[in-house]
Amino acid sequence: MFTDLRTLKNLIHAALLTALPLFAGCGGGGGGDDAGSSDGNESTGTNPVLCIILILATGNTGCTESDNSSSPSSSPSTPPPSPSSGPLLHQNQELEPNSDLANANLPSYPWRSSPDRQIGWYVVGSINDVTDTTDVFAFTSIQTREYILALCPPEGSSCDGKTGIDTLTAFFRVLDQDGNVLYTSEADTDYGNRYRTTIDAGVLNYVTVDAGDTMGVTVDYRLFVYEIS
């Protein structure tokens, strides 16, 4: 019997030694001058006994104060990706002769990977007010969309807003399938060589780049035609 009591006491002593670090880690056993709050309010810390039970049950020693908000058991699912903020453009090279509707270049669109993907094209070319006064391009929109058309300097130069090629140097026109002029950027003091319009699906359109006053020298350009909706 004596042996059994001594064994029981040893077991209790060992259990207390094991529990002391857990008790301290759970906010118990303070006892110092700064242990309590100055206004005498009850501590909002985690219940030490409950914390010890959680540690023994889960093995997690990270008991902290609760902020009364529950965290999700897992991260929320990643939302589906949104459409790209910019259009996908296909580069084309101007090919001569293309000075009239009959010889208009036919720029290629990129492949549309999804119905809401905005696409477009641009042409790298040059114009001269003596030897090459007009370049003509023909295209048909697959879907009715709102478009931006812009005549820009060569690659490496800015083309935002009105920072494109000066309309006195070169300008562009939009023609219908019969060659009637729908719009010209020549002398457009509001938007310069930049135009926003709706283009209907399945309708042939022409865009021309026309030389203004290039002072007899060749001026390189990029003509952009792309969807914005």
Protein backbone atom coordinates (compact mmCIF):
# COMPACT_ATOMS: atom_id res chain seq x y z
CA MET A 1 0.00 0.00 0.00
CA PHE A 2 2.84 2.41 0.91
CA THR A 3 4.49 1.66 -2.40
CA ASP A 4 1.27 2.36 -4.25
CA LEU A 5 0.80 5.72 -2.50
CA ARG A 6 4.39 6.75 -3.23
CA THR A 7 3.95 5.76 -6.86
CA LEU A 8 0.72 7.75 -7.07
CA LYS A 9 2.43 10.83 -5.55
CA ASN A 10 5.28 10.54 -8.02
CA LEU A 11 2.82 10.37 -10.90
CA ILE A 12 0.93 13.44 -9.66
CA HIS A 13 4.21 15.33 -9.18
CA ALA A 14 5.33 14.46 -12.71
CA ALA A 15 1.96 15.53 -14.10
CA LEU A 16 2.21 18.90 -12.34
CA LEU A 17 5.72 19.49 -13.64
CA THR A 18 4.45 18.73 -17.16
CA ALA A 19 1.47 21.04 -16.78
CA LEU A 20 3.36 24.06 -15.42
CA PRO A 21 4.87 25.14 -18.79
CA LEU A 22 1.51 24.65 -20.47
CA PHE A 23 -0.18 26.67 -17.73
CA ALA A 24 2.32 29.50 -18.16
CA GLY A 25 2.01 29.40 -21.95
CA CYS A 26 -1.75 29.76 -21.61
CA GLY A 27 -1.55 32.93 -19.51
CA GLY A 28 -1.69 31.41 -16.02
CA GLY A 29 0.60 31.77 -13.03
CA GLY A 30 1.34 35.50 -13.40
CA GLY A 31 1.43 36.74 -9.84
CA GLY A 32 3.72 39.75 -10.56
CA ASP A 33 2.98 43.41 -9.93
CA ASP A 34 1.95 43.91 -13.57
CA ALA A 35 -0.08 40.73 -13.87
CA GLY A 36 -3.48 42.36 -13.48
CA SER A 37 -5.06 45.26 -15.29
CA SER A 38 -4.84 48.66 -13.62
CA ASP A 39 -8.59 49.24 -13.77
CA GLY A 40 -9.39 45.99 -12.00
CA ASN A 41 -11.25 44.51 -14.97
CA GLU A 42 -11.22 40.81 -15.52
CA SER A 43 -8.60 39.53 -17.92
CA THR A 44 -9.81 38.61 -21.38
CA GLY A 45 -7.12 35.97 -21.86
CA THR A 46 -7.77 32.34 -22.75
CA ASN A 47 -8.92 30.07 -19.88
CA PRO A 48 -5.72 28.24 -18.80
CA VAL A 49 -7.45 24.92 -18.04
CA LEU A 50 -9.24 24.96 -21.37
CA CYS A 51 -5.99 25.87 -23.09
CA ILE A 52 -4.13 22.95 -21.48
CA ILE A 53 -6.89 20.57 -22.57
CA LEU A 54 -6.62 21.93 -26.15
CA ILE A 55 -2.83 21.52 -26.09
CA LEU A 56 -3.05 17.93 -24.88
CA ALA A 57 -5.77 17.16 -27.42
CA THR A 58 -4.29 18.90 -30.47
CA GLY A 59 -0.61 19.35 -29.77
CA ASN A 60 -0.94 23.05 -30.68
CA THR A 61 0.78 25.38 -28.19
CA GLY A 62 -0.31 28.61 -29.91
CA CYS A 63 -3.08 29.64 -27.54
CA THR A 64 -3.61 33.40 -27.83
CA GLU A 65 -6.30 35.88 -26.99
CA SER A 66 -9.40 35.59 -29.08
CA ASP A 67 -10.51 38.55 -31.16
CA ASN A 68 -14.03 37.12 -31.28
CA SER A 69 -13.70 36.52 -35.01
CA SER A 70 -13.60 33.10 -36.57
CA SER A 71 -11.07 32.29 -39.25
CA PRO A 72 -12.09 30.16 -42.23
CA SER A 73 -10.92 26.59 -42.07
CA SER A 74 -9.38 26.94 -45.51
CA SER A 75 -8.47 29.68 -47.95
CA PRO A 76 -11.30 30.81 -50.24
CA SER A 77 -11.16 29.45 -53.74
CA THR A 78 -9.28 31.60 -56.24
CA PRO A 79 -11.74 33.58 -58.41
CA PRO A 80 -11.67 32.94 -62.14
CA PRO A 81 -9.22 35.17 -64.00
CA SER A 82 -10.67 38.35 -65.46
CA PRO A 83 -10.22 39.27 -69.12
CA SER A 84 -6.96 40.98 -69.94
CA SER A 85 -7.07 44.73 -69.50
CA GLY A 86 -5.43 45.34 -72.88
CA PRO A 87 -6.16 44.04 -76.37
CA LEU A 88 -4.11 41.34 -78.05
CA LEU A 89 -2.54 42.84 -81.17
CA HIS A 90 -1.09 41.27 -84.30
CA GLN A 91 1.74 43.08 -86.09
CA ASN A 92 1.58 43.49 -89.85
CA GLN A 93 4.03 45.00 -92.31
CA GLU A 94 2.92 47.47 -94.95
CA LEU A 95 3.34 46.08 -98.47
CA GLU A 96 3.54 48.17 -101.64
CA PRO A 97 1.71 48.85 -103.89
CA ASN A 98 -1.23 49.83 -101.68
CA SER A 99 -2.11 53.32 -102.82
CA ASP A 100 -5.75 52.62 -103.74
CA LEU A 101 -8.72 50.51 -102.65
CA ALA A 102 -8.07 47.84 -105.27
CA ASN A 103 -4.59 47.18 -103.84
CA ALA A 104 -5.39 47.59 -100.16
CA ASN A 105 -3.36 45.54 -97.71
CA LEU A 106 -5.35 43.06 -95.61
CA PRO A 107 -3.94 43.14 -92.04
CA SER A 108 -4.40 39.98 -89.98
CA TYR A 109 -6.11 39.74 -86.60
CA PRO A 110 -4.79 37.47 -83.86
CA TRP A 111 -6.85 34.47 -82.79
CA ARG A 112 -9.54 35.33 -80.23
CA SER A 113 -9.09 32.89 -77.33
CA SER A 114 -12.43 33.74 -75.69
CA PRO A 115 -15.55 35.73 -76.69
CA ASP A 116 -14.70 38.63 -74.40
CA ARG A 117 -11.03 38.84 -75.41
CA GLN A 118 -10.26 42.19 -77.06
CA ILE A 119 -8.11 41.92 -80.16
CA GLY A 120 -6.75 44.15 -82.89
CA TRP A 121 -3.92 44.75 -85.30
CA TYR A 122 -1.32 47.31 -86.20
CA VAL A 123 0.76 48.02 -89.28
CA VAL A 124 4.35 49.17 -89.45
CA GLY A 125 4.75 51.38 -92.50
CA SER A 126 6.03 54.64 -93.96
CA ILE A 127 4.68 57.58 -95.93
CA ASN A 128 6.18 60.30 -98.10
CA ASP A 129 4.47 63.39 -99.52
CA VAL A 130 6.33 63.03 -102.83
CA THR A 131 6.76 59.34 -103.62
CA ASP A 132 4.22 57.56 -101.41
CA THR A 133 1.29 59.77 -100.53
CA THR A 134 -1.31 57.16 -99.48
CA ASP A 135 -1.34 53.69 -97.92
CA VAL A 136 -4.62 51.77 -97.85
CA PHE A 137 -5.70 48.94 -95.51
CA ALA A 138 -8.91 46.92 -95.55
CA PHE A 139 -10.44 44.98 -92.68
CA THR A 140 -13.69 43.43 -91.49
CA SER A 141 -14.63 43.16 -87.83
CA ILE A 142 -15.78 39.71 -86.76
CA GLN A 143 -17.98 41.17 -84.02
CA THR A 144 -19.64 44.54 -83.55
CA ARG A 145 -17.25 46.30 -81.21
CA GLU A 146 -16.06 49.73 -80.16
CA TYR A 147 -12.65 50.49 -81.66
CA ILE A 148 -9.74 52.85 -81.26
CA LEU A 149 -7.80 53.90 -84.36
CA ALA A 150 -4.51 55.72 -83.85
CA LEU A 151 -1.64 56.86 -86.04
CA CYS A 152 1.55 56.66 -83.98
CA PRO A 153 5.28 57.24 -84.36
CA PRO A 154 7.66 54.29 -84.82
CA GLU A 155 8.29 51.77 -82.06
CA GLY A 156 9.99 53.23 -79.01
CA SER A 157 7.96 56.45 -79.10
CA SER A 158 4.94 57.28 -76.95
CA CYS A 159 1.47 57.20 -78.45
CA ASP A 160 -0.97 58.07 -75.66
CA GLY A 161 -3.73 60.60 -76.12
CA LYS A 162 -2.54 63.26 -78.56
CA THR A 163 1.13 62.28 -78.58
CA GLY A 164 0.87 60.51 -81.92
CA ILE A 165 2.11 61.80 -85.26
CA ASP A 166 1.16 65.41 -85.87
CA THR A 167 -1.80 65.65 -88.21
CA LEU A 168 0.08 68.22 -90.29
CA THR A 169 2.68 65.55 -91.08
CA ALA A 170 0.32 62.63 -91.70
CA PHE A 171 -3.29 61.74 -90.94
CA PHE A 172 -5.70 58.85 -91.45
CA ARG A 173 -9.15 58.40 -92.89
CA VAL A 174 -11.89 55.81 -92.35
CA LEU A 175 -13.82 54.80 -95.47
CA ASP A 176 -16.87 52.58 -95.96
CA GLN A 177 -16.92 49.69 -98.41
CA ASP A 178 -17.88 52.06 -101.23
CA GLY A 179 -14.96 54.38 -100.54
CA ASN A 180 -17.01 57.14 -98.90
CA VAL A 181 -15.09 59.00 -96.18
CA LEU A 182 -16.64 58.43 -92.74
CA TYR A 183 -13.97 60.21 -90.76
CA THR A 184 -10.68 62.02 -91.23
CA SER A 185 -8.20 63.01 -88.53
CA GLU A 186 -6.81 65.80 -90.69
CA ALA A 187 -6.85 69.04 -88.70
CA ASP A 188 -8.60 67.37 -85.75
CA THR A 189 -7.57 69.72 -82.96
CA ASP A 190 -9.47 67.80 -80.26
CA TYR A 191 -8.08 64.29 -80.55
CA GLY A 192 -5.33 64.50 -83.14
CA ASN A 193 -4.52 61.20 -84.85
CA ARG A 194 -6.76 59.19 -82.53
CA TYR A 195 -10.37 58.18 -83.15
CA ARG A 196 -12.96 56.15 -81.25
CA THR A 197 -15.89 54.57 -83.09
CA THR A 198 -18.18 51.55 -83.28
CA ILE A 199 -17.54 49.17 -86.16
CA ASP A 200 -20.23 46.71 -87.21
CA ALA A 201 -19.51 43.05 -87.74
CA GLY A 202 -19.18 41.70 -91.26
CA VAL A 203 -18.84 45.14 -92.91
CA LEU A 204 -15.80 45.94 -95.06
CA ASN A 205 -13.94 49.03 -93.89
CA TYR A 206 -10.91 50.87 -95.24
CA VAL A 207 -8.34 52.88 -93.33
CA THR A 208 -5.90 55.07 -95.23
CA VAL A 209 -2.73 56.74 -94.02
CA ASP A 210 -2.19 59.97 -95.95
CA ALA A 211 0.88 62.16 -96.12
CA GLY A 212 0.48 65.77 -95.10
CA ASP A 213 3.67 67.79 -95.23
CA THR A 214 6.58 65.41 -94.69
CA MET A 215 8.97 67.93 -96.33
CA GLY A 216 9.93 65.35 -98.94
CA VAL A 217 11.30 62.83 -96.42
CA THR A 218 9.95 59.42 -95.52
CA VAL A 219 8.07 59.30 -92.21
CA ASP A 220 7.72 55.95 -90.42
CA TYR A 221 4.48 55.18 -88.60
CA ARG A 222 2.44 52.57 -86.79
CA LEU A 223 -1.31 52.42 -87.50
CA PHE A 224 -3.31 50.83 -84.67
CA VAL A 225 -6.83 49.43 -85.03
CA TYR A 226 -8.08 47.59 -81.94
CA GLU A 227 -11.14 46.79 -79.86
CA ILE A 228 -11.83 48.45 -76.52
CA SER A 229 -15.17 46.78 -75.71
